């Protein structure tokens, strides 16, 4: 009879690494502390953050950049 230890180790590592495709890990959503793509870059709050970032950059550098639009972005997922 073959030794089942290698197969058991493989299953353990798959589950520890996030599970099998379609399992419970795939349904949880983004990893806390990780990054996720911003789904709606036209959201007014996202535009407000972009304008603020450009304004603060101009204050700190003496620059004269102008906010036009958000093309893409990522957000950090935090608990709470």
PDB file of N, CA and C in Angstrom:
ATOM      1  N   UNK A   1       0.834  -1.183   0.000  1.00  0.00           N
ATOM      2  CA  UNK A   1       0.000   0.000   0.000  1.00  0.00           C
ATOM      3  C   UNK A   1       0.881   1.249   0.000  1.00  0.00           C
ATOM      4  N   UNK A   2       0.477   2.249  -0.768  1.00  0.00           N
ATOM      5  CA  UNK A   2       1.253   3.478  -0.887  1.00  0.00           C
ATOM      6  C   UNK A   2       1.089   4.349   0.348  1.00  0.00           C
ATOM      7  N   UNK A   3       2.081   5.181   0.601  1.00  0.00           N
ATOM      8  CA  UNK A   3       2.072   6.089   1.747  1.00  0.00           C
ATOM      9  C   UNK A   3       1.179   7.295   1.420  1.00  0.00           C
ATOM     10  N   UNK A   4       0.120   7.580   2.206  1.00  0.00           N
ATOM     11  CA  UNK A   4      -0.777   8.704   1.914  1.00  0.00           C
ATOM     12  C   UNK A   4      -0.237  10.050   2.384  1.00  0.00           C
ATOM     13  N   UNK A   5       0.908  10.093   3.035  1.00  0.00           N
ATOM     14  CA  UNK A   5       1.438  11.338   3.594  1.00  0.00           C
ATOM     15  C   UNK A   5       1.633  12.434   2.534  1.00  0.00           C
ATOM     16  N   UNK A   6       2.236  12.160   1.370  1.00  0.00           N
ATOM     17  CA  UNK A   6       2.409  13.235   0.377  1.00  0.00           C
ATOM     18  C   UNK A   6       1.080  13.842  -0.076  1.00  0.00           C
ATOM     19  N   UNK A   7       0.075  13.004  -0.254  1.00  0.00           N
ATOM     20  CA  UNK A   7      -1.230  13.512  -0.671  1.00  0.00           C
ATOM     21  C   UNK A   7      -1.855  14.362   0.428  1.00  0.00           C
ATOM     22  N   UNK A   8      -1.736  13.933   1.650  1.00  0.00           N
ATOM     23  CA  UNK A   8      -2.282  14.703   2.774  1.00  0.00           C
ATOM     24  C   UNK A   8      -1.568  16.043   2.913  1.00  0.00           C
ATOM     25  N   UNK A   9      -0.256  16.060   2.715  1.00  0.00           N
ATOM     26  CA  UNK A   9       0.492  17.317   2.773  1.00  0.00           C
ATOM     27  C   UNK A   9       0.048  18.273   1.666  1.00  0.00           C
ATOM     28  N   UNK A  10      -0.165  17.742   0.467  1.00  0.00           N
ATOM     29  CA  UNK A  10      -0.621  18.571  -0.646  1.00  0.00           C
ATOM     30  C   UNK A  10      -1.971  19.208  -0.335  1.00  0.00           C
ATOM     31  N   UNK A  11      -2.902  18.429   0.174  1.00  0.00           N
ATOM     32  CA  UNK A  11      -4.224  18.955   0.533  1.00  0.00           C
ATOM     33  C   UNK A  11      -4.094  20.012   1.621  1.00  0.00           C
ATOM     34  N   UNK A  12      -3.266  19.749   2.615  1.00  0.00           N
ATOM     35  CA  UNK A  12      -3.063  20.725   3.691  1.00  0.00           C
ATOM     36  C   UNK A  12      -2.546  22.051   3.147  1.00  0.00           C
ATOM     37  N   UNK A  13      -1.522  21.999   2.270  1.00  0.00           N
ATOM     38  CA  UNK A  13      -0.955  23.234   1.734  1.00  0.00           C
ATOM     39  C   UNK A  13      -1.936  23.969   0.829  1.00  0.00           C
ATOM     40  N   UNK A  14      -2.736  23.243   0.075  1.00  0.00           N
ATOM     41  CA  UNK A  14      -3.760  23.902  -0.746  1.00  0.00           C
ATOM     42  C   UNK A  14      -4.765  24.643   0.123  1.00  0.00           C
ATOM     43  N   UNK A  15      -5.191  24.014   1.194  1.00  0.00           N
ATOM     44  CA  UNK A  15      -6.153  24.661   2.086  1.00  0.00           C
ATOM     45  C   UNK A  15      -5.525  25.829   2.826  1.00  0.00           C
ATOM     46  N   UNK A  16      -4.285  25.694   3.240  1.00  0.00           N
ATOM     47  CA  UNK A  16      -3.600  26.772   3.953  1.00  0.00           C
ATOM     48  C   UNK A  16      -3.335  27.963   3.039  1.00  0.00           C
ATOM     49  N   UNK A  17      -3.155  27.709   1.742  1.00  0.00           N
ATOM     50  CA  UNK A  17      -2.852  28.775   0.793  1.00  0.00           C
ATOM     51  C   UNK A  17      -4.099  29.447   0.242  1.00  0.00           C
ATOM     52  N   UNK A  18      -5.269  29.102   0.731  1.00  0.00           N
ATOM     53  CA  UNK A  18      -6.461  29.769   0.247  1.00  0.00           C
ATOM     54  C   UNK A  18      -7.513  28.834  -0.268  1.00  0.00           C
ATOM     55  N   UNK A  19      -7.259  27.583  -0.241  1.00  0.00           N
ATOM     56  CA  UNK A  19      -8.294  26.636  -0.640  1.00  0.00           C
ATOM     57  C   UNK A  19      -8.276  26.312  -2.109  1.00  0.00           C
ATOM     58  N   UNK A  20      -9.142  25.426  -2.444  1.00  0.00           N
ATOM     59  CA  UNK A  20      -9.307  25.016  -3.830  1.00  0.00           C
ATOM     60  C   UNK A  20     -10.196  26.018  -4.557  1.00  0.00           C
ATOM     61  N   UNK A  21     -10.088  26.159  -5.866  1.00  0.00           N
ATOM     62  CA  UNK A  21     -10.937  27.098  -6.602  1.00  0.00           C
ATOM     63  C   UNK A  21     -12.417  26.819  -6.341  1.00  0.00           C
ATOM     64  N   UNK A  22     -13.164  27.893  -6.089  1.00  0.00           N
ATOM     65  CA  UNK A  22     -14.595  27.746  -5.841  1.00  0.00           C
ATOM     66  C   UNK A  22     -14.920  27.404  -4.413  1.00  0.00           C
ATOM     67  N   UNK A  23     -13.901  27.264  -3.566  1.00  0.00           N
ATOM     68  CA  UNK A  23     -14.122  26.923  -2.171  1.00  0.00           C
ATOM     69  C   UNK A  23     -14.479  28.146  -1.352  1.00  0.00           C
ATOM     70  N   UNK A  24     -14.503  27.976  -0.042  1.00  0.00           N
ATOM     71  CA  UNK A  24     -14.880  29.058   0.863  1.00  0.00           C
ATOM     72  C   UNK A  24     -13.935  30.242   0.760  1.00  0.00           C
ATOM     73  N   UNK A  25     -12.654  30.002   0.494  1.00  0.00           N
ATOM     74  CA  UNK A  25     -11.690  31.096   0.405  1.00  0.00           C
ATOM     75  C   UNK A  25     -12.005  32.008  -0.771  1.00  0.00           C
ATOM     76  N   UNK A  26     -12.531  31.464  -1.847  1.00  0.00           N
ATOM     77  CA  UNK A  26     -12.844  32.274  -3.019  1.00  0.00           C
ATOM     78  C   UNK A  26     -14.054  33.163  -2.770  1.00  0.00           C
ATOM     79  N   UNK A  27     -14.860  32.853  -1.766  1.00  0.00           N
ATOM     80  CA  UNK A  27     -16.064  33.620  -1.499  1.00  0.00           C
ATOM     81  C   UNK A  27     -15.850  34.708  -0.449  1.00  0.00           C
ATOM     82  N   UNK A  28     -14.706  34.731   0.203  1.00  0.00           N
ATOM     83  CA  UNK A  28     -14.463  35.682   1.291  1.00  0.00           C
ATOM     84  C   UNK A  28     -14.233  37.097   0.828  1.00  0.00           C
ATOM     85  N   UNK A  29     -13.681  37.311  -0.324  1.00  0.00           N
ATOM     86  CA  UNK A  29     -13.372  38.647  -0.787  1.00  0.00           C
ATOM     87  C   UNK A  29     -11.891  38.954  -0.625  1.00  0.00           C
ATOM     88  N   UNK A  30     -11.510  40.228  -0.757  1.00  0.00           N
ATOM     89  CA  UNK A  30     -10.106  40.613  -0.709  1.00  0.00           C
ATOM     90  C   UNK A  30      -9.486  40.333   0.664  1.00  0.00           C
ATOM     91  N   UNK A  31      -8.216  40.070   0.664  1.00  0.00           N
ATOM     92  CA  UNK A  31      -7.464  39.808   1.878  1.00  0.00           C
ATOM     93  C   UNK A  31      -7.272  41.112   2.645  1.00  0.00           C
ATOM     94  N   UNK A  32      -7.560  41.112   3.941  1.00  0.00           N
ATOM     95  CA  UNK A  32      -7.381  42.307   4.760  1.00  0.00           C
ATOM     96  C   UNK A  32      -5.913  42.691   4.732  1.00  0.00           C
ATOM     97  N   UNK A  33      -5.648  43.969   4.472  1.00  0.00           N
ATOM     98  CA  UNK A  33      -4.278  44.456   4.347  1.00  0.00           C
ATOM     99  C   UNK A  33      -3.780  44.409   2.914  1.00  0.00           C
ATOM    100  N   UNK A  34      -4.486  43.694   2.045  1.00  0.00           N
ATOM    101  CA  UNK A  34      -4.098  43.598   0.645  1.00  0.00           C
ATOM    102  C   UNK A  34      -4.708  44.743  -0.157  1.00  0.00           C
ATOM    103  N   UNK A  35      -4.492  44.723  -1.430  1.00  0.00           N
ATOM    104  CA  UNK A  35      -5.000  45.768  -2.308  1.00  0.00           C
ATOM    105  C   UNK A  35      -6.031  45.200  -3.270  1.00  0.00           C
ATOM    106  N   UNK A  36      -7.009  46.025  -3.604  1.00  0.00           N
ATOM    107  CA  UNK A  36      -8.045  45.646  -4.557  1.00  0.00           C
ATOM    108  C   UNK A  36      -8.223  46.783  -5.554  1.00  0.00           C
ATOM    109  N   UNK A  37      -8.573  46.437  -6.773  1.00  0.00           N
ATOM    110  CA  UNK A  37      -8.793  47.437  -7.814  1.00  0.00           C
ATOM    111  C   UNK A  37     -10.026  48.279  -7.467  1.00  0.00           C
ATOM    112  N   UNK A  38      -9.938  49.584  -7.699  1.00  0.00           N
ATOM    113  CA  UNK A  38     -11.091  50.464  -7.501  1.00  0.00           C
ATOM    114  C   UNK A  38     -12.061  50.188  -8.635  1.00  0.00           C
ATOM    115  N   UNK A  39     -13.275  49.797  -8.291  1.00  0.00           N
ATOM    116  CA  UNK A  39     -14.246  49.378  -9.302  1.00  0.00           C
ATOM    117  C   UNK A  39     -14.827  50.549 -10.081  1.00  0.00           C
ATOM    118  N   UNK A  40     -15.133  51.668  -9.398  1.00  0.00           N
ATOM    119  CA  UNK A  40     -15.775  52.806 -10.064  1.00  0.00           C
ATOM    120  C   UNK A  40     -14.921  54.053  -9.877  1.00  0.00           C
ATOM    121  N   UNK A  41     -14.042  54.316 -10.842  1.00  0.00           N
ATOM    122  CA  UNK A  41     -13.161  55.486 -10.728  1.00  0.00           C
ATOM    123  C   UNK A  41     -13.919  56.796 -10.954  1.00  0.00           C
ATOM    124  N   UNK A  42     -15.183  56.720 -11.370  1.00  0.00           N
ATOM    125  CA  UNK A  42     -15.988  57.933 -11.552  1.00  0.00           C
ATOM    126  C   UNK A  42     -16.800  58.278 -10.311  1.00  0.00           C
ATOM    127  N   UNK A  43     -16.646  57.501  -9.253  1.00  0.00           N
ATOM    128  CA  UNK A  43     -17.313  57.761  -7.979  1.00  0.00           C
ATOM    129  C   UNK A  43     -16.890  59.154  -7.476  1.00  0.00           C
ATOM    130  N   UNK A  44     -17.825  60.004  -7.052  1.00  0.00           N
ATOM    131  CA  UNK A  44     -17.491  61.352  -6.589  1.00  0.00           C
ATOM    132  C   UNK A  44     -16.458  61.362  -5.454  1.00  0.00           C
ATOM    133  N   UNK A  45     -16.501  60.386  -4.567  1.00  0.00           N
ATOM    134  CA  UNK A  45     -15.533  60.335  -3.472  1.00  0.00           C
ATOM    135  C   UNK A  45     -14.120  60.075  -4.004  1.00  0.00           C
ATOM    136  N   UNK A  46     -14.004  59.230  -5.007  1.00  0.00           N
ATOM    137  CA  UNK A  46     -12.697  58.942  -5.605  1.00  0.00           C
ATOM    138  C   UNK A  46     -12.160  60.195  -6.294  1.00  0.00           C
ATOM    139  N   UNK A  47     -13.023  60.929  -6.993  1.00  0.00           N
ATOM    140  CA  UNK A  47     -12.609  62.185  -7.634  1.00  0.00           C
ATOM    141  C   UNK A  47     -12.140  63.195  -6.589  1.00  0.00           C
ATOM    142  N   UNK A  48     -12.856  63.268  -5.476  1.00  0.00           N
ATOM    143  CA  UNK A  48     -12.496  64.193  -4.399  1.00  0.00           C
ATOM    144  C   UNK A  48     -11.104  63.863  -3.850  1.00  0.00           C
ATOM    145  N   UNK A  49     -10.827  62.589  -3.671  1.00  0.00           N
ATOM    146  CA  UNK A  49      -9.514  62.169  -3.179  1.00  0.00           C
ATOM    147  C   UNK A  49      -8.422  62.530  -4.184  1.00  0.00           C
ATOM    148  N   UNK A  50      -8.701  62.348  -5.465  1.00  0.00           N
ATOM    149  CA  UNK A  50      -7.734  62.705  -6.506  1.00  0.00           C
ATOM    150  C   UNK A  50      -7.439  64.194  -6.521  1.00  0.00           C
ATOM    151  N   UNK A  51      -8.481  65.015  -6.407  1.00  0.00           N
ATOM    152  CA  UNK A  51      -8.294  66.475  -6.368  1.00  0.00           C
ATOM    153  C   UNK A  51      -7.477  66.882  -5.155  1.00  0.00           C
ATOM    154  N   UNK A  52      -7.764  66.252  -4.013  1.00  0.00           N
ATOM    155  CA  UNK A  52      -7.029  66.550  -2.790  1.00  0.00           C
ATOM    156  C   UNK A  52      -5.548  66.196  -2.956  1.00  0.00           C
ATOM    157  N   UNK A  53      -5.267  65.036  -3.528  1.00  0.00           N
ATOM    158  CA  UNK A  53      -3.885  64.599  -3.710  1.00  0.00           C
ATOM    159  C   UNK A  53      -3.105  65.571  -4.588  1.00  0.00           C
ATOM    160  N   UNK A  54      -3.724  66.037  -5.677  1.00  0.00           N
ATOM    161  CA  UNK A  54      -3.054  66.989  -6.572  1.00  0.00           C
ATOM    162  C   UNK A  54      -2.840  68.318  -5.854  1.00  0.00           C
ATOM    163  N   UNK A  55      -3.838  68.774  -5.104  1.00  0.00           N
ATOM    164  CA  UNK A  55      -3.727  70.030  -4.356  1.00  0.00           C
ATOM    165  C   UNK A  55      -2.594  69.970  -3.327  1.00  0.00           C
ATOM    166  N   UNK A  56      -2.529  68.879  -2.584  1.00  0.00           N
ATOM    167  CA  UNK A  56      -1.469  68.731  -1.577  1.00  0.00           C
ATOM    168  C   UNK A  56      -0.095  68.645  -2.240  1.00  0.00           C
ATOM    169  N   UNK A  57      -0.007  67.956  -3.368  1.00  0.00           N
ATOM    170  CA  UNK A  57       1.266  67.883  -4.093  1.00  0.00           C
ATOM    171  C   UNK A  57       1.713  69.284  -4.511  1.00  0.00           C
ATOM    172  N   UNK A  58       0.773  70.078  -5.024  1.00  0.00           N
ATOM    173  CA  UNK A  58       1.113  71.439  -5.451  1.00  0.00           C
ATOM    174  C   UNK A  58       1.587  72.281  -4.279  1.00  0.00           C
ATOM    175  N   UNK A  59       0.958  72.136  -3.115  1.00  0.00           N
ATOM    176  CA  UNK A  59       1.368  72.890  -1.921  1.00  0.00           C
ATOM    177  C   UNK A  59       2.779  72.518  -1.491  1.00  0.00           C
ATOM    178  N   UNK A  60       3.078  71.221  -1.509  1.00  0.00           N
ATOM    179  CA  UNK A  60       4.369  70.751  -1.006  1.00  0.00           C
ATOM    180  C   UNK A  60       5.515  70.979  -1.985  1.00  0.00           C
ATOM    181  N   UNK A  61       5.222  70.990  -3.270  1.00  0.00           N
ATOM    182  CA  UNK A  61       6.292  71.110  -4.263  1.00  0.00           C
ATOM    183  C   UNK A  61       6.318  72.466  -4.953  1.00  0.00           C
ATOM    184  N   UNK A  62       5.284  73.282  -4.723  1.00  0.00           N
ATOM    185  CA  UNK A  62       5.202  74.546  -5.444  1.00  0.00           C
ATOM    186  C   UNK A  62       4.822  74.329  -6.898  1.00  0.00           C
ATOM    187  N   UNK A  63       4.313  73.161  -7.200  1.00  0.00           N
ATOM    188  CA  UNK A  63       3.950  72.808  -8.575  1.00  0.00           C
ATOM    189  C   UNK A  63       2.648  73.448  -9.003  1.00  0.00           C
ATOM    190  N   UNK A  64       2.293  73.222 -10.240  1.00  0.00           N
ATOM    191  CA  UNK A  64       1.084  73.793 -10.803  1.00  0.00           C
ATOM    192  C   UNK A  64       0.326  72.715 -11.586  1.00  0.00           C
ATOM    193  N   UNK A  65       0.207  71.520 -10.981  1.00  0.00           N
ATOM    194  CA  UNK A  65      -0.518  70.445 -11.635  1.00  0.00           C
ATOM    195  C   UNK A  65      -2.017  70.700 -11.540  1.00  0.00           C
ATOM    196  N   UNK A  66      -2.775  70.137 -12.469  1.00  0.00           N
ATOM    197  CA  UNK A  66      -4.229  70.266 -12.452  1.00  0.00           C
ATOM    198  C   UNK A  66      -4.853  68.875 -12.500  1.00  0.00           C
ATOM    199  N   UNK A  67      -5.843  68.641 -11.663  1.00  0.00           N
ATOM    200  CA  UNK A  67      -6.555  67.367 -11.669  1.00  0.00           C
ATOM    201  C   UNK A  67      -7.469  67.321 -12.888  1.00  0.00           C
ATOM    202  N   UNK A  68      -7.432  66.213 -13.618  1.00  0.00           N
ATOM    203  CA  UNK A  68      -8.303  66.028 -14.775  1.00  0.00           C
ATOM    204  C   UNK A  68      -9.293  64.899 -14.499  1.00  0.00           C
ATOM    205  N   UNK A  69      -8.775  63.701 -14.233  1.00  0.00           N
ATOM    206  CA  UNK A  69      -9.643  62.558 -13.944  1.00  0.00           C
ATOM    207  C   UNK A  69      -8.816  61.425 -13.359  1.00  0.00           C
ATOM    208  N   UNK A  70      -9.506  60.478 -12.749  1.00  0.00           N
ATOM    209  CA  UNK A  70      -8.872  59.259 -12.252  1.00  0.00           C
ATOM    210  C   UNK A  70      -9.005  58.216 -13.347  1.00  0.00           C
ATOM    211  N   UNK A  71      -7.905  57.645 -13.772  1.00  0.00           N
ATOM    212  CA  UNK A  71      -7.917  56.650 -14.838  1.00  0.00           C
ATOM    213  C   UNK A  71      -8.041  55.248 -14.252  1.00  0.00           C
ATOM    214  N   UNK A  72      -7.306  54.972 -13.196  1.00  0.00           N
ATOM    215  CA  UNK A  72      -7.373  53.677 -12.519  1.00  0.00           C
ATOM    216  C   UNK A  72      -6.782  53.839 -11.128  1.00  0.00           C
ATOM    217  N   UNK A  73      -6.994  52.850 -10.306  1.00  0.00           N
ATOM    218  CA  UNK A  73      -6.426  52.924  -8.970  1.00  0.00           C
ATOM    219  C   UNK A  73      -6.644  51.640  -8.208  1.00  0.00           C
ATOM    220  N   UNK A  74      -5.942  51.554  -7.080  1.00  0.00           N
ATOM    221  CA  UNK A  74      -6.090  50.422  -6.173  1.00  0.00           C
ATOM    222  C   UNK A  74      -6.308  50.981  -4.774  1.00  0.00           C
ATOM    223  N   UNK A  75      -7.057  50.253  -4.000  1.00  0.00           N
ATOM    224  CA  UNK A  75      -7.310  50.672  -2.623  1.00  0.00           C
ATOM    225  C   UNK A  75      -6.892  49.564  -1.675  1.00  0.00           C
ATOM    226  N   UNK A  76      -6.435  49.979  -0.489  1.00  0.00           N
ATOM    227  CA  UNK A  76      -6.036  48.985   0.499  1.00  0.00           C
ATOM    228  C   UNK A  76      -7.240  48.588   1.322  1.00  0.00           C
ATOM    229  N   UNK A  77      -7.417  47.302   1.504  1.00  0.00           N
ATOM    230  CA  UNK A  77      -8.526  46.773   2.276  1.00  0.00           C
ATOM    231  C   UNK A  77      -8.084  46.686   3.728  1.00  0.00           C
ATOM    232  N   UNK A  78      -8.817  47.371   4.624  1.00  0.00           N
ATOM    233  CA  UNK A  78      -8.472  47.352   6.045  1.00  0.00           C
ATOM    234  C   UNK A  78      -9.658  46.849   6.849  1.00  0.00           C
ATOM    235  N   UNK A  79      -9.394  46.312   8.014  1.00  0.00           N
ATOM    236  CA  UNK A  79     -10.464  45.834   8.888  1.00  0.00           C
ATOM    237  C   UNK A  79     -11.107  47.029   9.576  1.00  0.00           C
ATOM    238  N   UNK A  80     -12.420  47.048   9.623  1.00  0.00           N
ATOM    239  CA  UNK A  80     -13.125  48.124  10.304  1.00  0.00           C
ATOM    240  C   UNK A  80     -13.456  49.155   9.353  1.00  0.00           C
TER     241      UNK A  80
END
